[in-house]
Amino acid sequence: MNIVELVKHLKSFEEAESFVNESLPDIEYDLVDIYMVDKLGLGSEIIFFDAEKMPNRLIVEIGGITYENLFPLNLAQELVEEFSQKKITDTQIAERLLEYREKDA
């Protein structure tokens, strides 16, 4: 899954919570952190980690794989919901998430 594919699951709190309950049953919703494999990018694979089990760093290496933190899932959900009101595509929403991370987070 990449960030564009994730966007469709985050358009409302209910959708995001359902996604977490189905896909990540061992992690509480408020503790899900989004990481991207290697680097931030539209095509980068997304991995979810439990924030309580991760070091508090933007870039971590686990098992020889580098992961870069995007931000917590609950923040991503709030941003996606806000951006969705502008009637833009999922790809444009994903681009805005990456821009937000690079400039504001």
C-alpha atoms as a PDB file:
ATOM      1  CA  MET A   1       0.000   0.000   0.000  1.00  0.00           C
ATOM      2  CA  ASN A   2       1.195   3.523  -0.739  1.00  0.00           C
ATOM      3  CA  ILE A   3      -0.059   6.912   0.483  1.00  0.00           C
ATOM      4  CA  VAL A   4      -2.503   7.352  -2.423  1.00  0.00           C
ATOM      5  CA  GLU A   5      -4.113   3.991  -1.631  1.00  0.00           C
ATOM      6  CA  LEU A   6      -4.265   4.850   2.078  1.00  0.00           C
ATOM      7  CA  VAL A   7      -6.149   8.108   1.480  1.00  0.00           C
ATOM      8  CA  LYS A   8      -9.395   6.293   0.616  1.00  0.00           C
ATOM      9  CA  HIS A   9      -9.407   4.732   4.105  1.00  0.00           C
ATOM     10  CA  LEU A  10      -8.975   8.064   5.906  1.00  0.00           C
ATOM     11  CA  LYS A  11     -11.778  10.244   4.563  1.00  0.00           C
ATOM     12  CA  SER A  12     -13.691  10.037   7.834  1.00  0.00           C
ATOM     13  CA  PHE A  13     -12.868   9.031  11.387  1.00  0.00           C
ATOM     14  CA  GLU A  14     -15.228   6.063  11.114  1.00  0.00           C
ATOM     15  CA  GLU A  15     -13.527   4.768   7.956  1.00  0.00           C
ATOM     16  CA  ALA A  16     -10.083   5.181   9.513  1.00  0.00           C
ATOM     17  CA  GLU A  17     -11.101   3.453  12.732  1.00  0.00           C
ATOM     18  CA  SER A  18     -12.638   0.573  10.773  1.00  0.00           C
ATOM     19  CA  PHE A  19      -9.458   0.279   8.678  1.00  0.00           C
ATOM     20  CA  VAL A  20      -7.298   0.109  11.813  1.00  0.00           C
ATOM     21  CA  ASN A  21      -9.582  -2.416  13.516  1.00  0.00           C
ATOM     22  CA  GLU A  22      -9.519  -4.688  10.455  1.00  0.00           C
ATOM     23  CA  SER A  23      -5.909  -4.222   9.330  1.00  0.00           C
ATOM     24  CA  LEU A  24      -4.077  -3.516  12.587  1.00  0.00           C
ATOM     25  CA  PRO A  25      -6.002  -5.233  15.373  1.00  0.00           C
ATOM     26  CA  ASP A  26      -2.990  -5.262  17.705  1.00  0.00           C
ATOM     27  CA  ILE A  27      -2.477  -1.482  17.663  1.00  0.00           C
ATOM     28  CA  GLU A  28      -4.768   1.091  19.265  1.00  0.00           C
ATOM     29  CA  TYR A  29      -6.014   3.712  16.799  1.00  0.00           C
ATOM     30  CA  ASP A  30      -4.304   6.597  18.608  1.00  0.00           C
ATOM     31  CA  LEU A  31      -0.961   4.761  18.629  1.00  0.00           C
ATOM     32  CA  VAL A  32      -0.638   4.019  14.905  1.00  0.00           C
ATOM     33  CA  ASP A  33       2.331   5.754  13.282  1.00  0.00           C
ATOM     34  CA  ILE A  34       2.735   5.813   9.499  1.00  0.00           C
ATOM     35  CA  TYR A  35       6.213   5.102   8.130  1.00  0.00           C
ATOM     36  CA  MET A  36       7.370   4.909   4.541  1.00  0.00           C
ATOM     37  CA  VAL A  37       9.981   2.465   3.315  1.00  0.00           C
ATOM     38  CA  ASP A  38      13.250   4.208   2.376  1.00  0.00           C
ATOM     39  CA  LYS A  39      11.908   7.736   1.861  1.00  0.00           C
ATOM     40  CA  LEU A  40       8.807   9.881   1.658  1.00  0.00           C
ATOM     41  CA  GLY A  41       7.138   9.654  -1.733  1.00  0.00           C
ATOM     42  CA  LEU A  42       3.850   8.931  -3.493  1.00  0.00           C
ATOM     43  CA  GLY A  43       4.996   5.473  -4.538  1.00  0.00           C
ATOM     44  CA  SER A  44       6.778   4.539  -1.323  1.00  0.00           C
ATOM     45  CA  GLU A  45       5.371   1.555   0.530  1.00  0.00           C
ATOM     46  CA  ILE A  46       3.627   2.378   3.811  1.00  0.00           C
ATOM     47  CA  ILE A  47       4.210   0.436   7.000  1.00  0.00           C
ATOM     48  CA  PHE A  48       2.344   0.959  10.264  1.00  0.00           C
ATOM     49  CA  PHE A  49       4.027   0.732  13.644  1.00  0.00           C
ATOM     50  CA  ASP A  50       2.886   1.024  17.232  1.00  0.00           C
ATOM     51  CA  ALA A  51       4.182   4.410  18.409  1.00  0.00           C
ATOM     52  CA  GLU A  52       4.860   3.046  21.889  1.00  0.00           C
ATOM     53  CA  LYS A  53       7.269   0.472  20.464  1.00  0.00           C
ATOM     54  CA  MET A  54       9.211   2.806  18.165  1.00  0.00           C
ATOM     55  CA  PRO A  55      12.088   5.141  18.986  1.00  0.00           C
ATOM     56  CA  ASN A  56      11.146   8.813  18.776  1.00  0.00           C
ATOM     57  CA  ARG A  57      13.067   9.515  15.541  1.00  0.00           C
ATOM     58  CA  LEU A  58      12.073  10.486  12.012  1.00  0.00           C
ATOM     59  CA  ILE A  59      14.250   7.834  10.396  1.00  0.00           C
ATOM     60  CA  VAL A  60      14.750   4.358  11.831  1.00  0.00           C
ATOM     61  CA  GLU A  61      16.407   1.211  10.553  1.00  0.00           C
ATOM     62  CA  ILE A  62      14.893  -2.143  11.395  1.00  0.00           C
ATOM     63  CA  GLY A  63      16.241  -5.383   9.996  1.00  0.00           C
ATOM     64  CA  GLY A  64      18.367  -3.533   7.451  1.00  0.00           C
ATOM     65  CA  ILE A  65      15.381  -1.565   6.101  1.00  0.00           C
ATOM     66  CA  THR A  66      15.159   2.199   6.500  1.00  0.00           C
ATOM     67  CA  TYR A  67      11.794   3.715   7.410  1.00  0.00           C
ATOM     68  CA  GLU A  68      10.900   7.405   7.461  1.00  0.00           C
ATOM     69  CA  ASN A  69       8.087   8.591   9.702  1.00  0.00           C
ATOM     70  CA  LEU A  70       5.265  10.443   7.985  1.00  0.00           C
ATOM     71  CA  PHE A  71       3.173  11.184  11.079  1.00  0.00           C
ATOM     72  CA  PRO A  72       0.539   9.569  13.302  1.00  0.00           C
ATOM     73  CA  LEU A  73      -2.426   8.027  11.525  1.00  0.00           C
ATOM     74  CA  ASN A  74      -4.913  10.148  13.487  1.00  0.00           C
ATOM     75  CA  LEU A  75      -3.242  13.341  12.195  1.00  0.00           C
ATOM     76  CA  ALA A  76      -3.238  11.965   8.652  1.00  0.00           C
ATOM     77  CA  GLN A  77      -6.950  11.195   8.986  1.00  0.00           C
ATOM     78  CA  GLU A  78      -7.760  14.738  10.126  1.00  0.00           C
ATOM     79  CA  LEU A  79      -5.762  16.211   7.244  1.00  0.00           C
ATOM     80  CA  VAL A  80      -7.341  13.881   4.663  1.00  0.00           C
ATOM     81  CA  GLU A  81     -10.815  14.775   5.909  1.00  0.00           C
ATOM     82  CA  GLU A  82      -9.979  18.481   5.659  1.00  0.00           C
ATOM     83  CA  PHE A  83      -8.388  18.178   2.203  1.00  0.00           C
ATOM     84  CA  SER A  84     -11.327  16.041   0.948  1.00  0.00           C
ATOM     85  CA  GLN A  85     -13.673  18.983   1.413  1.00  0.00           C
ATOM     86  CA  LYS A  86     -11.852  20.723  -1.430  1.00  0.00           C
ATOM     87  CA  LYS A  87     -13.089  18.123  -3.923  1.00  0.00           C
ATOM     88  CA  ILE A  88      -9.615  17.060  -5.071  1.00  0.00           C
ATOM     89  CA  THR A  89      -8.376  13.616  -6.115  1.00  0.00           C
ATOM     90  CA  ASP A  90      -6.813  11.066  -3.791  1.00  0.00           C
ATOM     91  CA  THR A  91      -3.463  11.654  -5.499  1.00  0.00           C
ATOM     92  CA  GLN A  92      -3.726  15.407  -4.859  1.00  0.00           C
ATOM     93  CA  ILE A  93      -4.624  14.718  -1.225  1.00  0.00           C
ATOM     94  CA  ALA A  94      -1.584  12.427  -0.918  1.00  0.00           C
ATOM     95  CA  GLU A  95       0.624  15.128  -2.427  1.00  0.00           C
ATOM     96  CA  ARG A  96      -0.702  17.632   0.106  1.00  0.00           C
ATOM     97  CA  LEU A  97       0.018  15.226   2.960  1.00  0.00           C
ATOM     98  CA  LEU A  98       3.620  14.936   1.809  1.00  0.00           C
ATOM     99  CA  GLU A  99       3.897  18.715   1.393  1.00  0.00           C
ATOM    100  CA  TYR A 100       2.477  19.215   4.883  1.00  0.00           C
ATOM    101  CA  ARG A 101       5.035  16.805   6.327  1.00  0.00           C
ATOM    102  CA  GLU A 102       7.917  18.458   4.502  1.00  0.00           C
ATOM    103  CA  LYS A 103       6.950  22.057   5.323  1.00  0.00           C
ATOM    104  CA  ASP A 104       4.811  22.130   8.448  1.00  0.00           C
ATOM    105  CA  ALA A 105       5.333  19.018  10.543  1.00  0.00           C
END
